[in-house]
Amino acid sequence: MTVSLPLPAQQADSARVAPQPVIAASDFEYLGAAGVATVAVAPFDARIAAFMQTHGQHDRTLQRLSHVVEAVAVPGAFIIGGGLYIGGKLGGDDRMADLGLHGTEALVIANVVTSVVKFTTGRARPYVDRTRPHDFAFMRGLQSEDYRSFPSGHAVTAFAAAAAVTEETRRWWPHSTWYVGPLLYGGATLVGAARMYNDKHWASDVVMGAAIGIFTGRRVVRWQHSHDGNKLDRWLLGVSIGPEGGGHVVRIILLPVH
């Protein structure tokens, strides 16, 4: 079934840029640096975990705040992204729609990659045994949630959202980056801290999660804006946009549920 929603015609507000590859040569340098940072933090995993579990654990306000921060990331980021996309399309706001669509795409892609790594590495979470931060086992992540510590999915989600939003707003308001970036990345850092506070992740899980999130958020936005009319948007969300009656129409393809 197809539902058509008329929207006012709008012109794209971003200039065309040269098409970018999915992976650029400079990305390998970034990924290498992320790996080095993760390895550098790993020796301190047990010490950081012990500190987190012996400081502030009896503070009910801090406990509640940590859970709120986690919820803002998951499922909050997905809800916010989807809401921005739908709201932007219904209201004829292309910027809002871009923000929601590309942010959601970044979240989906980043979490798919993260899930594969989690299942493959099979790292035990801190609450399993806080004295064994290097407890990895190939494909053990398929067995139980207890062995899906590396990397932090919440950190991936929070930093992917921060990177995507910062990258999108940089295109509209270049001078806003100095306060939008620190605000969003600061919030994402709090998400990572909350996961360590709640004994769900090691510090190195959070570092690698942040690296994956930032990489994916920035790369998705840049790739999408350098490939106008690509099929990925329509494939992921089942939406096509075309001119009709002097305006634009959003066609939402509703697939049957079996």
C-alpha atoms as a PDB file:
ATOM      1  CA  MET A   1       0.000   0.000   0.000  1.00  0.00           C
ATOM      2  CA  THR A   2       1.234   3.502  -0.777  1.00  0.00           C
ATOM      3  CA  VAL A   3       0.379   6.587   1.263  1.00  0.00           C
ATOM      4  CA  SER A   4       1.013   9.934  -0.457  1.00  0.00           C
ATOM      5  CA  LEU A   5       1.614  13.035   1.608  1.00  0.00           C
ATOM      6  CA  PRO A   6       1.889  16.354  -0.318  1.00  0.00           C
ATOM      7  CA  LEU A   7       4.736  18.612   0.687  1.00  0.00           C
ATOM      8  CA  PRO A   8       5.673  22.104  -0.507  1.00  0.00           C
ATOM      9  CA  ALA A   9       8.443  22.243  -3.050  1.00  0.00           C
ATOM     10  CA  GLN A  10      11.836  23.083  -1.611  1.00  0.00           C
ATOM     11  CA  GLN A  11      15.256  23.526  -3.073  1.00  0.00           C
ATOM     12  CA  ALA A  12      18.206  21.682  -1.628  1.00  0.00           C
ATOM     13  CA  ASP A  13      20.120  24.087   0.574  1.00  0.00           C
ATOM     14  CA  SER A  14      23.476  22.405   0.290  1.00  0.00           C
ATOM     15  CA  ALA A  15      25.865  22.813  -2.592  1.00  0.00           C
ATOM     16  CA  ARG A  16      26.933  19.780  -4.529  1.00  0.00           C
ATOM     17  CA  VAL A  17      30.208  18.304  -3.426  1.00  0.00           C
ATOM     18  CA  ALA A  18      32.489  15.810  -5.079  1.00  0.00           C
ATOM     19  CA  PRO A  19      31.325  12.212  -4.479  1.00  0.00           C
ATOM     20  CA  GLN A  20      33.178  10.630  -1.593  1.00  0.00           C
ATOM     21  CA  PRO A  21      34.126   6.953  -1.311  1.00  0.00           C
ATOM     22  CA  VAL A  22      32.648   4.770   1.392  1.00  0.00           C
ATOM     23  CA  ILE A  23      36.131   4.411   2.887  1.00  0.00           C
ATOM     24  CA  ALA A  24      38.854   6.979   2.222  1.00  0.00           C
ATOM     25  CA  ALA A  25      42.588   6.484   2.666  1.00  0.00           C
ATOM     26  CA  SER A  26      42.611   8.866   5.621  1.00  0.00           C
ATOM     27  CA  ASP A  27      40.028   6.681   7.350  1.00  0.00           C
ATOM     28  CA  PHE A  28      42.601   3.956   7.842  1.00  0.00           C
ATOM     29  CA  GLU A  29      44.748   6.414   9.772  1.00  0.00           C
ATOM     30  CA  TYR A  30      41.759   7.277  11.961  1.00  0.00           C
ATOM     31  CA  LEU A  31      40.917   3.611  12.588  1.00  0.00           C
ATOM     32  CA  GLY A  32      44.550   2.892  13.375  1.00  0.00           C
ATOM     33  CA  ALA A  33      44.620   5.733  15.908  1.00  0.00           C
ATOM     34  CA  ALA A  34      41.401   4.405  17.453  1.00  0.00           C
ATOM     35  CA  GLY A  35      42.979   0.988  17.827  1.00  0.00           C
ATOM     36  CA  VAL A  36      46.065   2.467  19.458  1.00  0.00           C
ATOM     37  CA  ALA A  37      43.913   4.477  21.888  1.00  0.00           C
ATOM     38  CA  THR A  38      41.926   1.379  22.825  1.00  0.00           C
ATOM     39  CA  VAL A  39      45.072  -0.651  23.449  1.00  0.00           C
ATOM     40  CA  ALA A  40      46.544   2.210  25.490  1.00  0.00           C
ATOM     41  CA  VAL A  41      43.496   2.333  27.778  1.00  0.00           C
ATOM     42  CA  ALA A  42      43.101  -1.450  28.148  1.00  0.00           C
ATOM     43  CA  PRO A  43      45.809  -1.892  30.868  1.00  0.00           C
ATOM     44  CA  PHE A  44      43.771   0.427  33.111  1.00  0.00           C
ATOM     45  CA  ASP A  45      40.434  -1.332  32.605  1.00  0.00           C
ATOM     46  CA  ALA A  46      40.433  -3.234  35.899  1.00  0.00           C
ATOM     47  CA  ARG A  47      41.586  -0.191  37.884  1.00  0.00           C
ATOM     48  CA  ILE A  48      38.935   2.069  36.349  1.00  0.00           C
ATOM     49  CA  ALA A  49      36.213  -0.526  36.891  1.00  0.00           C
ATOM     50  CA  ALA A  50      37.191  -0.900  40.546  1.00  0.00           C
ATOM     51  CA  PHE A  51      37.116   2.863  41.014  1.00  0.00           C
ATOM     52  CA  MET A  52      33.669   3.132  39.418  1.00  0.00           C
ATOM     53  CA  GLN A  53      32.257   0.466  41.715  1.00  0.00           C
ATOM     54  CA  THR A  54      33.677   1.983  44.901  1.00  0.00           C
ATOM     55  CA  HIS A  55      32.685   5.615  44.313  1.00  0.00           C
ATOM     56  CA  GLY A  56      29.157   6.998  44.207  1.00  0.00           C
ATOM     57  CA  GLN A  57      27.376   3.665  44.106  1.00  0.00           C
ATOM     58  CA  HIS A  58      25.185   4.551  47.097  1.00  0.00           C
ATOM     59  CA  ASP A  59      24.115   7.891  45.662  1.00  0.00           C
ATOM     60  CA  ARG A  60      20.528   7.352  44.502  1.00  0.00           C
ATOM     61  CA  THR A  61      20.486  10.575  42.500  1.00  0.00           C
ATOM     62  CA  LEU A  62      23.586   9.489  40.612  1.00  0.00           C
ATOM     63  CA  GLN A  63      22.094   6.057  40.036  1.00  0.00           C
ATOM     64  CA  ARG A  64      18.886   7.489  38.597  1.00  0.00           C
ATOM     65  CA  LEU A  65      20.810   9.975  36.479  1.00  0.00           C
ATOM     66  CA  SER A  66      22.982   7.222  35.012  1.00  0.00           C
ATOM     67  CA  HIS A  67      19.910   5.276  33.885  1.00  0.00           C
ATOM     68  CA  VAL A  68      18.320   8.391  32.396  1.00  0.00           C
ATOM     69  CA  VAL A  69      21.501   9.122  30.458  1.00  0.00           C
ATOM     70  CA  GLU A  70      21.576   5.553  29.141  1.00  0.00           C
ATOM     71  CA  ALA A  71      17.927   5.759  28.057  1.00  0.00           C
ATOM     72  CA  VAL A  72      18.544   9.004  26.174  1.00  0.00           C
ATOM     73  CA  ALA A  73      21.055   7.086  24.053  1.00  0.00           C
ATOM     74  CA  VAL A  74      19.192   3.783  23.736  1.00  0.00           C
ATOM     75  CA  PRO A  75      16.416   3.791  22.695  1.00  0.00           C
ATOM     76  CA  GLY A  76      16.224   7.598  22.800  1.00  0.00           C
ATOM     77  CA  ALA A  77      18.535   8.309  19.857  1.00  0.00           C
ATOM     78  CA  PHE A  78      16.533   6.036  17.550  1.00  0.00           C
ATOM     79  CA  ILE A  79      13.221   7.570  18.638  1.00  0.00           C
ATOM     80  CA  ILE A  80      14.543  11.102  18.227  1.00  0.00           C
ATOM     81  CA  GLY A  81      16.076  10.335  14.828  1.00  0.00           C
ATOM     82  CA  GLY A  82      12.907   8.745  13.501  1.00  0.00           C
ATOM     83  CA  GLY A  83      10.794  11.544  14.908  1.00  0.00           C
ATOM     84  CA  LEU A  84      12.937  14.216  13.279  1.00  0.00           C
ATOM     85  CA  TYR A  85      12.722  12.482   9.918  1.00  0.00           C
ATOM     86  CA  ILE A  86       8.954  12.036  10.013  1.00  0.00           C
ATOM     87  CA  GLY A  87       8.408  15.516  11.419  1.00  0.00           C
ATOM     88  CA  GLY A  88      10.652  17.046   8.789  1.00  0.00           C
ATOM     89  CA  LYS A  89       8.860  15.294   5.947  1.00  0.00           C
ATOM     90  CA  LEU A  90       5.384  16.094   7.218  1.00  0.00           C
ATOM     91  CA  GLY A  91       6.354  19.709   7.864  1.00  0.00           C
ATOM     92  CA  GLY A  92       8.310  20.197   4.646  1.00  0.00           C
ATOM     93  CA  ASP A  93      11.551  20.883   6.501  1.00  0.00           C
ATOM     94  CA  ASP A  94      14.330  19.261   4.460  1.00  0.00           C
ATOM     95  CA  ARG A  95      17.005  20.088   6.998  1.00  0.00           C
ATOM     96  CA  MET A  96      15.152  18.336   9.801  1.00  0.00           C
ATOM     97  CA  ALA A  97      14.409  15.374   7.554  1.00  0.00           C
ATOM     98  CA  ASP A  98      18.080  15.100   6.532  1.00  0.00           C
ATOM     99  CA  LEU A  99      19.136  15.229  10.149  1.00  0.00           C
ATOM    100  CA  GLY A 100      16.714  12.509  11.198  1.00  0.00           C
ATOM    101  CA  LEU A 101      17.273  10.262   8.194  1.00  0.00           C
ATOM    102  CA  HIS A 102      21.053  10.405   8.080  1.00  0.00           C
ATOM    103  CA  GLY A 103      21.354  10.240  11.849  1.00  0.00           C
ATOM    104  CA  THR A 104      19.174   7.123  11.922  1.00  0.00           C
ATOM    105  CA  GLU A 105      21.133   5.556   9.084  1.00  0.00           C
ATOM    106  CA  ALA A 106      24.356   6.162  10.992  1.00  0.00           C
ATOM    107  CA  LEU A 107      22.869   4.546  14.095  1.00  0.00           C
ATOM    108  CA  VAL A 108      21.694   1.481  12.184  1.00  0.00           C
ATOM    109  CA  ILE A 109      24.982   0.959  10.354  1.00  0.00           C
ATOM    110  CA  ALA A 110      27.091   1.555  13.464  1.00  0.00           C
ATOM    111  CA  ASN A 111      25.034  -0.866  15.523  1.00  0.00           C
ATOM    112  CA  VAL A 112      25.162  -3.587  12.870  1.00  0.00           C
ATOM    113  CA  VAL A 113      28.966  -3.336  12.829  1.00  0.00           C
ATOM    114  CA  THR A 114      29.049  -3.280  16.627  1.00  0.00           C
ATOM    115  CA  SER A 115      26.869  -6.368  16.927  1.00  0.00           C
ATOM    116  CA  VAL A 116      29.191  -8.331  14.658  1.00  0.00           C
ATOM    117  CA  VAL A 117      32.209  -7.306  16.743  1.00  0.00           C
ATOM    118  CA  LYS A 118      30.404  -8.068  20.013  1.00  0.00           C
ATOM    119  CA  PHE A 119      29.417 -11.569  18.914  1.00  0.00           C
ATOM    120  CA  THR A 120      32.858 -12.282  17.482  1.00  0.00           C
ATOM    121  CA  THR A 121      35.071 -11.052  20.320  1.00  0.00           C
ATOM    122  CA  GLY A 122      32.928 -12.477  23.138  1.00  0.00           C
ATOM    123  CA  ARG A 123      34.347 -10.251  25.846  1.00  0.00           C
ATOM    124  CA  ALA A 124      33.003 -10.764  29.372  1.00  0.00           C
ATOM    125  CA  ARG A 125      31.356  -7.754  30.978  1.00  0.00           C
ATOM    126  CA  PRO A 126      32.915  -6.317  34.153  1.00  0.00           C
ATOM    127  CA  TYR A 127      30.177  -7.675  36.419  1.00  0.00           C
ATOM    128  CA  VAL A 128      31.077 -11.222  35.364  1.00  0.00           C
ATOM    129  CA  ASP A 129      34.564 -10.933  36.872  1.00  0.00           C
ATOM    130  CA  ARG A 130      36.057  -7.510  37.473  1.00  0.00           C
ATOM    131  CA  THR A 131      39.542  -8.981  37.874  1.00  0.00           C
ATOM    132  CA  ARG A 132      39.651 -10.366  34.322  1.00  0.00           C
ATOM    133  CA  PRO A 133      39.357  -7.485  31.872  1.00  0.00           C
ATOM    134  CA  HIS A 134      41.050  -9.456  29.092  1.00  0.00           C
ATOM    135  CA  ASP A 135      38.537 -12.309  29.062  1.00  0.00           C
ATOM    136  CA  PHE A 136      37.796 -12.686  25.341  1.00  0.00           C
ATOM    137  CA  ALA A 137      36.581 -15.815  23.528  1.00  0.00           C
ATOM    138  CA  PHE A 138      35.908 -16.147  19.824  1.00  0.00           C
ATOM    139  CA  MET A 139      32.162 -16.127  18.997  1.00  0.00           C
ATOM    140  CA  ARG A 140      31.198 -16.440  22.674  1.00  0.00           C
ATOM    141  CA  GLY A 141      29.021 -13.366  22.282  1.00  0.00           C
ATOM    142  CA  LEU A 142      26.434 -15.592  20.631  1.00  0.00           C
ATOM    143  CA  GLN A 143      25.925 -17.440  23.906  1.00  0.00           C
ATOM    144  CA  SER A 144      24.849 -14.687  26.278  1.00  0.00           C
ATOM    145  CA  GLU A 145      24.523 -10.948  26.830  1.00  0.00           C
ATOM    146  CA  ASP A 146      27.152 -11.383  29.557  1.00  0.00           C
ATOM    147  CA  TYR A 147      29.790 -11.789  26.849  1.00  0.00           C
ATOM    148  CA  ARG A 148      28.992  -8.848  24.583  1.00  0.00           C
ATOM    149  CA  SER A 149      31.019  -6.166  26.284  1.00  0.00           C
ATOM    150  CA  PHE A 150      33.313  -5.048  23.455  1.00  0.00           C
ATOM    151  CA  PRO A 151      32.632  -2.455  22.185  1.00  0.00           C
ATOM    152  CA  SER A 152      29.998  -0.455  24.069  1.00  0.00           C
ATOM    153  CA  GLY A 153      26.821  -0.269  22.001  1.00  0.00           C
ATOM    154  CA  HIS A 154      25.518   2.673  24.004  1.00  0.00           C
ATOM    155  CA  ALA A 155      28.735   4.588  23.357  1.00  0.00           C
ATOM    156  CA  VAL A 156      28.554   3.724  19.661  1.00  0.00           C
ATOM    157  CA  THR A 157      24.990   5.035  19.476  1.00  0.00           C
ATOM    158  CA  ALA A 158      25.650   8.200  21.468  1.00  0.00           C
ATOM    159  CA  PHE A 159      28.774   9.175  19.542  1.00  0.00           C
ATOM    160  CA  ALA A 160      27.263   8.279  16.150  1.00  0.00           C
ATOM    161  CA  ALA A 161      24.330  10.571  16.905  1.00  0.00           C
ATOM    162  CA  ALA A 162      26.652  13.328  18.117  1.00  0.00           C
ATOM    163  CA  ALA A 163      28.843  13.058  15.029  1.00  0.00           C
ATOM    164  CA  ALA A 164      25.918  12.983  12.583  1.00  0.00           C
ATOM    165  CA  VAL A 165      24.149  15.964  14.159  1.00  0.00           C
ATOM    166  CA  THR A 166      27.370  17.976  14.376  1.00  0.00           C
ATOM    167  CA  GLU A 167      28.193  17.209  10.751  1.00  0.00           C
ATOM    168  CA  GLU A 168      24.692  18.130   9.546  1.00  0.00           C
ATOM    169  CA  THR A 169      24.518  21.393  11.489  1.00  0.00           C
ATOM    170  CA  ARG A 170      28.009  22.319  10.279  1.00  0.00           C
ATOM    171  CA  ARG A 171      26.542  22.406   6.763  1.00  0.00           C
ATOM    172  CA  TRP A 172      23.757  24.822   7.757  1.00  0.00           C
ATOM    173  CA  TRP A 173      25.454  26.969  10.385  1.00  0.00           C
ATOM    174  CA  PRO A 174      29.262  26.641  10.062  1.00  0.00           C
ATOM    175  CA  HIS A 175      29.855  28.906  13.031  1.00  0.00           C
ATOM    176  CA  SER A 176      27.712  26.753  15.352  1.00  0.00           C
ATOM    177  CA  THR A 177      30.195  23.872  15.473  1.00  0.00           C
ATOM    178  CA  TRP A 178      32.129  25.341  18.398  1.00  0.00           C
ATOM    179  CA  TYR A 179      29.172  24.923  20.763  1.00  0.00           C
ATOM    180  CA  VAL A 180      27.066  22.186  19.100  1.00  0.00           C
ATOM    181  CA  GLY A 181      29.998  19.770  18.952  1.00  0.00           C
ATOM    182  CA  PRO A 182      31.156  20.079  22.583  1.00  0.00           C
ATOM    183  CA  LEU A 183      27.560  19.870  23.841  1.00  0.00           C
ATOM    184  CA  LEU A 184      26.741  16.689  21.925  1.00  0.00           C
ATOM    185  CA  TYR A 185      30.085  14.985  22.408  1.00  0.00           C
ATOM    186  CA  GLY A 186      29.995  15.901  26.093  1.00  0.00           C
ATOM    187  CA  GLY A 187      26.611  14.215  26.393  1.00  0.00           C
ATOM    188  CA  ALA A 188      27.923  11.141  24.573  1.00  0.00           C
ATOM    189  CA  THR A 189      30.847  10.986  27.000  1.00  0.00           C
ATOM    190  CA  LEU A 190      28.383  10.932  29.890  1.00  0.00           C
ATOM    191  CA  VAL A 191      26.694   7.931  28.290  1.00  0.00           C
ATOM    192  CA  GLY A 192      29.992   6.053  28.234  1.00  0.00           C
ATOM    193  CA  ALA A 193      30.670   7.004  31.857  1.00  0.00           C
ATOM    194  CA  ALA A 194      27.200   5.797  32.859  1.00  0.00           C
ATOM    195  CA  ARG A 195      27.835   2.393  31.290  1.00  0.00           C
ATOM    196  CA  MET A 196      31.057   2.042  33.271  1.00  0.00           C
ATOM    197  CA  TYR A 197      29.345   3.303  36.433  1.00  0.00           C
ATOM    198  CA  ASN A 198      26.667   0.620  36.012  1.00  0.00           C
ATOM    199  CA  ASP A 199      29.364  -2.058  35.601  1.00  0.00           C
ATOM    200  CA  LYS A 200      28.325  -2.918  32.043  1.00  0.00           C
ATOM    201  CA  HIS A 201      31.500  -1.933  30.196  1.00  0.00           C
ATOM    202  CA  TRP A 202      35.249  -1.584  30.515  1.00  0.00           C
ATOM    203  CA  ALA A 203      36.877   1.734  29.659  1.00  0.00           C
ATOM    204  CA  SER A 204      38.389   0.311  26.481  1.00  0.00           C
ATOM    205  CA  ASP A 205      34.893  -0.780  25.373  1.00  0.00           C
ATOM    206  CA  VAL A 206      33.790   2.830  25.576  1.00  0.00           C
ATOM    207  CA  VAL A 207      36.856   4.162  23.735  1.00  0.00           C
ATOM    208  CA  MET A 208      36.342   1.799  20.813  1.00  0.00           C
ATOM    209  CA  GLY A 209      32.599   2.443  20.836  1.00  0.00           C
ATOM    210  CA  ALA A 210      33.216   6.176  20.622  1.00  0.00           C
ATOM    211  CA  ALA A 211      35.619   5.671  17.720  1.00  0.00           C
ATOM    212  CA  ILE A 212      33.148   3.533  15.752  1.00  0.00           C
ATOM    213  CA  GLY A 213      30.318   5.963  16.427  1.00  0.00           C
ATOM    214  CA  ILE A 214      32.234   9.073  15.387  1.00  0.00           C
ATOM    215  CA  PHE A 215      33.584   7.406  12.267  1.00  0.00           C
ATOM    216  CA  THR A 216      30.167   6.148  11.169  1.00  0.00           C
ATOM    217  CA  GLY A 217      28.246   9.341  11.941  1.00  0.00           C
ATOM    218  CA  ARG A 218      30.640  11.565  10.034  1.00  0.00           C
ATOM    219  CA  ARG A 219      31.131   9.177   7.126  1.00  0.00           C
ATOM    220  CA  VAL A 220      27.395   8.539   6.560  1.00  0.00           C
ATOM    221  CA  VAL A 221      26.507  12.244   6.456  1.00  0.00           C
ATOM    222  CA  ARG A 222      29.398  13.124   4.146  1.00  0.00           C
ATOM    223  CA  TRP A 223      28.717  10.203   1.813  1.00  0.00           C
ATOM    224  CA  GLN A 224      24.991  10.884   1.589  1.00  0.00           C
ATOM    225  CA  HIS A 225      25.430  14.569   0.782  1.00  0.00           C
ATOM    226  CA  SER A 226      27.939  13.760  -1.932  1.00  0.00           C
ATOM    227  CA  HIS A 227      25.612  11.167  -3.542  1.00  0.00           C
ATOM    228  CA  ASP A 228      22.303  12.906  -4.184  1.00  0.00           C
ATOM    229  CA  GLY A 229      19.456  10.580  -5.124  1.00  0.00           C
ATOM    230  CA  ASN A 230      21.192   7.444  -3.836  1.00  0.00           C
ATOM    231  CA  LYS A 231      19.106   4.351  -3.246  1.00  0.00           C
ATOM    232  CA  LEU A 232      20.295   3.692   0.307  1.00  0.00           C
ATOM    233  CA  ASP A 233      17.844   6.121   1.906  1.00  0.00           C
ATOM    234  CA  ARG A 234      14.881   4.577   0.126  1.00  0.00           C
ATOM    235  CA  TRP A 235      16.063   1.053   0.837  1.00  0.00           C
ATOM    236  CA  LEU A 236      16.484   1.616   4.573  1.00  0.00           C
ATOM    237  CA  LEU A 237      13.284   3.524   5.251  1.00  0.00           C
ATOM    238  CA  GLY A 238      11.054   2.607   2.315  1.00  0.00           C
ATOM    239  CA  VAL A 239      10.478   6.231   1.315  1.00  0.00           C
ATOM    240  CA  SER A 240      10.625   7.842  -2.110  1.00  0.00           C
ATOM    241  CA  ILE A 241      10.116  11.501  -2.956  1.00  0.00           C
ATOM    242  CA  GLY A 242       8.953  12.873  -6.290  1.00  0.00           C
ATOM    243  CA  PRO A 243       7.319  15.940  -7.828  1.00  0.00           C
ATOM    244  CA  GLU A 244       3.561  16.025  -8.183  1.00  0.00           C
ATOM    245  CA  GLY A 245       1.105  18.852  -8.738  1.00  0.00           C
ATOM    246  CA  GLY A 246       3.645  21.656  -8.400  1.00  0.00           C
ATOM    247  CA  GLY A 247       4.990  20.303  -5.127  1.00  0.00           C
ATOM    248  CA  HIS A 248       6.573  17.156  -3.789  1.00  0.00           C
ATOM    249  CA  VAL A 249       4.995  13.928  -2.606  1.00  0.00           C
ATOM    250  CA  VAL A 250       6.370  11.543  -0.012  1.00  0.00           C
ATOM    251  CA  ARG A 251       5.380   7.977  -0.793  1.00  0.00           C
ATOM    252  CA  ILE A 252       5.627   5.654   2.178  1.00  0.00           C
ATOM    253  CA  ILE A 253       5.668   2.019   1.148  1.00  0.00           C
ATOM    254  CA  LEU A 254       3.859  -0.039   3.744  1.00  0.00           C
ATOM    255  CA  LEU A 255       5.012  -3.637   3.420  1.00  0.00           C
ATOM    256  CA  PRO A 256       2.664  -6.430   4.513  1.00  0.00           C
ATOM    257  CA  VAL A 257       3.469  -8.066   7.832  1.00  0.00           C
ATOM    258  CA  HIS A 258       3.686 -11.861   7.830  1.00  0.00           C
END
